[in-house]
Protein backbone atom coordinates (compact mmCIF):
# COMPACT_ATOMS: atom_id res chain seq x y z
CA MET A 1 1.73 8.86 32.36
CA THR A 2 -1.28 6.89 31.17
CA THR A 3 -3.64 9.41 29.60
CA GLU A 4 -4.31 9.54 25.88
CA ILE A 5 -2.18 12.09 24.03
CA ARG A 6 -3.67 13.76 20.98
CA SER A 7 -2.67 16.84 19.03
CA SER A 8 -4.60 19.50 17.17
CA ASN A 9 -3.18 18.43 13.80
CA HIS A 10 -4.99 16.30 11.23
CA VAL A 11 -4.01 14.37 8.14
CA ARG A 12 -5.05 15.96 4.89
CA SER A 13 -7.76 14.16 2.89
CA SER A 14 -5.40 14.19 -0.08
CA ALA A 15 -2.79 12.23 1.86
CA LEU A 16 -2.95 9.26 -0.48
CA ALA A 17 -3.46 11.19 -3.69
CA GLY A 18 -1.75 9.38 -6.54
CA VAL A 19 -0.96 6.34 -4.38
CA SER A 20 -2.79 3.03 -4.72
CA PRO A 21 -3.42 1.79 -1.17
CA PRO A 22 -3.01 -1.90 -0.32
CA ALA A 23 -6.08 -4.05 -0.87
CA TYR A 24 -6.90 -4.34 2.83
CA ILE A 25 -7.55 -0.60 3.05
CA GLN A 26 -11.27 -0.29 2.40
CA ALA A 27 -12.21 2.57 4.71
CA VAL A 28 -10.94 5.65 6.42
CA ASN A 29 -9.80 5.60 10.04
CA ILE A 30 -7.68 2.45 9.99
CA THR A 31 -5.82 2.07 13.28
CA ALA A 32 -3.10 -0.42 14.18
CA ALA A 33 -1.22 -0.91 17.43
CA LEU A 34 2.55 -0.89 16.96
CA PRO A 35 3.97 -3.15 19.68
CA SER A 36 7.41 -2.84 18.08
CA ARG A 37 7.45 0.78 19.28
CA ALA A 38 7.66 2.20 22.80
CA VAL A 39 7.66 5.64 24.42
CA ILE A 40 10.17 7.58 26.51
CA ALA A 41 9.02 10.72 28.35
CA VAL A 42 11.53 13.58 28.55
CA SER A 43 10.72 16.48 30.84
CA GLY A 44 12.38 19.28 32.75
CA PRO A 45 13.35 22.89 32.01
CA GLU A 46 16.27 21.87 29.79
CA ALA A 47 14.59 18.99 27.96
CA ARG A 48 14.43 20.75 24.59
CA SER A 49 17.98 22.09 24.57
CA PHE A 50 19.26 18.71 25.76
CA LEU A 51 17.63 16.78 22.91
CA ASN A 52 18.38 19.50 20.38
CA GLY A 53 22.10 19.01 20.92
CA LEU A 54 21.83 15.29 20.23
CA LEU A 55 19.23 14.65 17.53
CA THR A 56 19.28 15.27 13.78
CA GLN A 57 16.02 17.23 13.90
CA GLU A 58 15.30 20.65 15.42
CA VAL A 59 13.58 20.33 18.81
CA GLU A 60 13.68 23.87 20.20
CA THR A 61 10.98 25.10 17.81
CA LEU A 62 8.70 22.08 18.22
CA ALA A 63 5.26 23.37 19.19
CA ALA A 64 2.77 21.51 21.36
CA GLY A 65 0.87 19.07 19.16
CA GLN A 66 3.68 18.69 16.62
CA LEU A 67 5.60 15.52 15.75
CA ARG A 68 9.02 15.36 14.11
CA PHE A 69 11.04 12.44 12.74
CA SER A 70 14.67 12.27 13.80
CA GLY A 71 17.69 10.11 14.45
CA LEU A 72 20.35 9.59 17.08
CA LEU A 73 23.75 9.04 15.46
CA THR A 74 27.19 7.87 16.46
CA PRO A 75 29.90 10.56 16.60
CA GLN A 76 31.07 9.16 13.25
CA GLY A 77 27.65 9.90 11.74
CA ARG A 78 26.19 6.39 11.48
CA LEU A 79 22.55 5.86 12.39
CA LEU A 80 22.05 4.31 15.81
CA TYR A 81 18.31 4.77 16.38
CA ASP A 82 15.37 6.38 14.65
CA LEU A 83 12.79 8.20 16.76
CA PHE A 84 9.83 10.52 16.59
CA VAL A 85 9.66 13.51 18.94
CA ALA A 86 6.15 14.55 20.01
CA ALA A 87 5.53 17.77 21.93
CA VAL A 88 2.80 17.65 24.55
CA GLU A 89 1.92 20.16 27.24
CA ASP A 90 4.30 19.02 29.97
CA ALA A 91 6.89 16.86 28.20
CA LEU A 92 8.41 15.57 25.02
CA LEU A 93 7.58 12.00 24.02
CA LEU A 94 10.12 9.91 22.14
CA ASP A 95 8.60 7.20 19.96
CA VAL A 96 11.37 4.59 19.65
CA ALA A 97 11.92 0.94 18.73
CA ALA A 98 10.76 -1.09 21.74
CA GLU A 99 13.76 -3.43 21.54
CA HIS A 100 16.11 -0.44 21.85
CA ARG A 101 14.27 1.63 24.48
CA ASP A 102 16.53 0.58 27.36
CA ALA A 103 19.66 1.22 25.29
CA ILE A 104 18.36 4.64 24.24
CA LEU A 105 17.54 5.53 27.85
CA MET A 106 21.05 4.47 28.84
CA ARG A 107 22.66 6.56 26.11
CA LEU A 108 20.55 9.62 26.89
CA THR A 109 21.40 9.24 30.59
CA MET A 110 25.09 9.14 29.66
CA TYR A 111 24.73 12.41 27.72
CA ARG A 112 22.59 14.10 30.37
CA LEU A 113 25.39 14.96 32.84
CA ARG A 114 24.04 17.86 34.95
CA ALA A 115 21.26 18.92 32.59
CA LYS A 116 17.92 19.54 34.28
CA VAL A 117 16.19 16.73 32.45
CA LYS A 118 14.10 13.78 33.60
CA LEU A 119 14.06 10.61 31.50
CA ALA A 120 11.52 7.85 32.07
CA ALA A 121 9.99 4.91 30.23
CA SER A 122 6.30 5.60 29.58
CA ASP A 123 3.36 3.19 29.64
CA LEU A 124 1.81 4.91 26.62
CA LYS A 125 1.37 2.72 23.56
CA VAL A 126 2.02 3.69 19.96
CA PHE A 127 -0.72 3.46 17.31
CA ALA A 128 -0.57 4.17 13.58
CA LEU A 129 -3.50 5.66 11.68
CA PHE A 130 -3.21 5.14 7.95
CA PRO A 131 -6.35 6.03 5.99
CA ALA A 132 -7.45 5.70 2.42
CA GLY A 133 -8.70 9.26 2.88
CA GLU A 134 -9.09 11.62 5.82
CA VAL A 135 -8.56 10.45 9.38
CA GLU A 136 -10.17 12.03 12.39
CA ALA A 137 -8.79 15.32 13.59
CA GLY A 138 -6.68 15.38 16.72
CA ASP A 139 -3.89 12.95 15.82
CA PHE A 140 -0.21 13.55 15.12
CA GLU A 141 0.44 13.74 11.41
CA ASP A 142 3.34 11.54 10.36
CA PRO A 143 6.07 14.04 9.42
CA ARG A 144 7.77 11.73 6.92
CA LEU A 145 5.06 11.57 4.25
CA PRO A 146 1.38 12.59 4.34
CA ALA A 147 0.50 9.23 2.78
CA LEU A 148 1.81 7.45 5.88
CA GLY A 149 -1.12 8.85 7.85
CA GLY A 150 -0.75 9.67 11.53
CA ARG A 151 0.36 8.42 14.93
CA LEU A 152 -1.35 8.33 18.30
CA TYR A 153 0.01 7.82 21.84
CA ALA A 154 -2.49 6.43 24.31
CA ALA A 155 -2.91 3.98 27.17
CA ASP A 156 -5.24 2.00 24.91
CA HIS A 157 -7.20 2.43 21.70
CA ALA A 158 -9.50 0.39 19.48
CA VAL A 159 -7.71 -1.15 16.49
CA THR A 160 -8.97 -2.20 13.07
CA ALA A 161 -5.73 -3.51 11.53
CA THR A 162 -2.48 -5.19 12.54
CA GLU A 163 1.07 -3.92 12.67
CA ASP A 164 1.80 -6.19 9.71
CA ASP A 165 -0.88 -4.32 7.74
CA TYR A 166 0.81 -1.05 8.58
CA GLU A 167 4.22 -2.41 7.57
CA ALA A 168 2.75 -3.50 4.23
CA HIS A 169 1.38 0.04 3.76
CA ARG A 170 4.78 1.56 4.57
CA LEU A 171 6.57 -0.79 2.18
CA ALA A 172 4.02 -0.05 -0.57
CA LEU A 173 5.07 3.61 -0.30
CA GLY A 174 8.75 2.66 -0.54
CA VAL A 175 9.60 4.02 2.92
CA PRO A 176 12.41 2.18 4.73
CA GLY A 177 12.10 1.16 8.38
CA PRO A 178 14.29 0.10 11.33
CA ALA A 179 14.69 -3.43 9.98
CA ASP A 180 16.42 -1.92 6.94
CA TRP A 181 18.97 0.33 8.61
CA GLY A 182 19.75 -1.69 11.73
CA THR A 183 22.06 -0.14 14.32
CA ASP A 184 25.38 1.55 13.52
CA LYS A 185 25.41 0.10 9.99
CA THR A 186 24.40 2.92 7.64
CA TYR A 187 24.24 6.68 7.31
CA PRO A 188 20.92 8.50 7.74
CA ILE A 189 21.08 9.98 4.24
CA GLU A 190 21.44 6.48 2.78
CA ALA A 191 18.27 5.59 4.74
CA ASP A 192 16.48 8.59 3.12
CA PHE A 193 16.20 10.60 6.35
CA ASP A 194 16.97 13.77 4.41
CA LEU A 195 13.98 13.11 2.12
CA LEU A 196 11.66 12.09 4.96
CA ASN A 197 12.08 15.26 7.04
CA GLY A 198 14.42 13.49 9.46
CA ILE A 199 17.36 15.93 9.30
CA ASP A 200 17.43 19.69 9.79
CA PHE A 201 20.60 20.89 8.05
CA LYS A 202 20.07 24.46 9.29
CA LYS A 203 20.02 23.69 13.00
CA GLY A 204 22.98 23.87 15.34
CA CYS A 205 25.31 21.05 16.27
CA PHE A 206 24.17 17.50 16.91
CA VAL A 207 26.01 14.23 17.39
CA GLY A 208 27.37 13.07 14.02
CA GLN A 209 26.66 16.40 12.31
CA GLU A 210 30.06 16.80 10.66
CA THR A 211 29.81 13.62 8.59
CA THR A 212 26.11 14.14 7.82
CA SER A 213 26.61 17.73 6.65
CA ARG A 214 29.65 16.80 4.57
CA MET A 215 27.67 14.11 2.73
CA LYS A 216 24.96 16.66 1.99
CA ARG A 217 27.41 19.34 0.82
CA ARG A 218 29.01 16.97 -1.67
CA GLY A 219 25.71 16.94 -3.52
CA THR A 220 26.07 13.38 -4.77
CA ILE A 221 24.61 10.52 -2.76
CA LYS A 222 26.06 7.19 -3.91
CA ASN A 223 23.65 4.85 -2.14
CA ARG A 224 19.98 5.04 -1.20
CA MET A 225 17.33 2.71 0.14
CA LEU A 226 14.75 2.09 -2.58
CA PRO A 227 11.97 -0.47 -3.08
CA ILE A 228 12.44 -3.32 -5.54
CA ALA A 229 9.72 -5.49 -7.10
CA PHE A 230 9.94 -9.15 -8.15
CA ASP A 231 7.86 -12.30 -8.46
CA GLY A 232 7.51 -14.66 -5.53
CA PRO A 233 8.93 -14.61 -2.01
CA PRO A 234 11.53 -12.06 -0.95
CA PRO A 235 15.23 -12.82 -1.33
CA ALA A 236 17.25 -13.35 1.83
CA PHE A 237 18.29 -10.26 3.76
CA GLY A 238 21.70 -9.20 2.48
CA ALA A 239 21.38 -10.96 -0.89
CA GLU A 240 23.36 -9.21 -3.62
CA VAL A 241 21.63 -7.10 -6.24
CA LEU A 242 23.58 -7.42 -9.48
CA ALA A 243 23.63 -5.18 -12.56
CA GLY A 244 25.05 -7.68 -15.00
CA GLU A 245 28.16 -8.87 -13.19
CA LEU A 246 28.54 -5.70 -11.10
CA ARG A 247 27.35 -5.49 -7.50
CA ALA A 248 24.60 -2.86 -7.38
CA GLY A 249 23.46 -3.23 -3.79
CA GLU A 250 21.87 -5.59 -1.30
CA VAL A 251 18.36 -6.66 -0.36
CA LEU A 252 16.98 -5.52 2.99
CA SER A 253 13.59 -6.34 4.56
CA GLY A 254 10.68 -7.43 2.40
CA ARG A 255 7.67 -9.62 1.72
CA ASP A 256 6.22 -11.43 -1.28
CA GLY A 257 6.70 -9.33 -4.40
CA ARG A 258 8.42 -6.35 -2.81
CA ALA A 259 11.41 -5.44 -0.63
CA MET A 260 13.65 -2.56 0.30
CA ALA A 261 17.22 -2.56 -0.98
CA LEU A 262 20.29 -0.40 -0.45
CA LEU A 263 21.32 0.41 -4.02
CA ARG A 264 24.20 2.13 -5.79
CA LEU A 265 22.54 4.86 -7.78
CA ASP A 266 25.24 4.91 -10.46
CA ARG A 267 24.62 1.25 -11.34
CA ILE A 268 20.85 0.86 -11.43
CA GLU A 269 19.65 3.36 -14.03
CA GLY A 270 18.63 1.42 -17.14
CA ALA A 271 20.31 -1.75 -15.89
CA ASP A 272 18.89 -5.27 -15.92
CA LEU A 273 18.98 -6.13 -12.22
CA THR A 274 18.93 -9.61 -10.72
CA VAL A 275 18.99 -11.20 -7.28
CA ASP A 276 19.95 -14.86 -7.04
CA GLY A 277 19.28 -15.12 -10.77
CA ARG A 278 15.79 -13.61 -10.49
CA PRO A 279 14.97 -10.35 -12.29
CA VAL A 280 14.08 -7.41 -10.06
CA THR A 281 13.07 -3.86 -10.89
CA VAL A 282 13.41 -0.64 -8.93
CA ASP A 283 9.97 0.81 -8.16
CA TRP A 284 11.12 4.41 -7.80
CA PRO A 285 8.86 6.36 -5.38
CA ASP A 286 7.73 9.78 -6.54
CA TRP A 287 9.04 11.33 -3.31
CA VAL A 288 12.63 10.27 -4.12
CA PRO A 289 14.28 12.53 -6.72
CA LYS A 290 16.23 10.69 -9.38
CA PRO A 291 19.93 11.57 -9.58
CA VAL A 292 20.90 14.09 -12.23
CA THR A 293 23.22 12.67 -14.89
CA PRO A 294 26.11 14.76 -16.29
CA ASP A 295 24.15 15.18 -19.55
CA GLU A 296 21.18 16.60 -17.63
CA ALA A 297 23.19 18.90 -15.37
């Protein structure tokens, strides 16, 4: 499969409304190749029902030209792999971390049993389109946030930015990525999948559903991935975030001036936070609702 895959969707011109784009974004139609991502093609008469029973997102209702964000969990509900599911005319495309593609293929093959499903690595490449305004029609809109732009699957495509530029854009929006959640280390709700359209709580069963649904039903999420701001280079991955003398979380991936962190929500509100003695602040994204305190309930 080497032809370019495009959908009939487009990214709204208001995608970045209220968001200050990074300085390198000076024009619309910014495209970056994402070599850290790879594609798996899933086809066959039972492809949709097969994936629907495994993934956190609904697949049965996915229309041609649509893209959905999802996760593959352990039976205990921890996040193994993130993925996007794109519906094209003759198959479903899974947009996955390139370093995990073989492992994902192996796991899907293990689950396949006698299902009438064909799984194959695809030569298609993954591209991100992240404009300061409207991007050209015909690309898959990123289902997580409109401000993230779109995605494109093609054998090749002209690029005007690097993957590092795209990662800076993602981090500026406070959206966590694979480097933050790792493999089998956190729960999808802690990684904000529920806020980024990565979990359908109304669908049928999927692997890890019991734990995921129970966390949602409780109504109180103790930990979330949120962006932190500071002066200078990023702290080491795993460095403790302290609220006074209390542990309030840990630093995840980052770059100069900004990083993601997994934070305890009950310890960060109004607190003076530090990492390795340096002050840090939580830069709360507008797409993440703040927890309701007992006084506000």
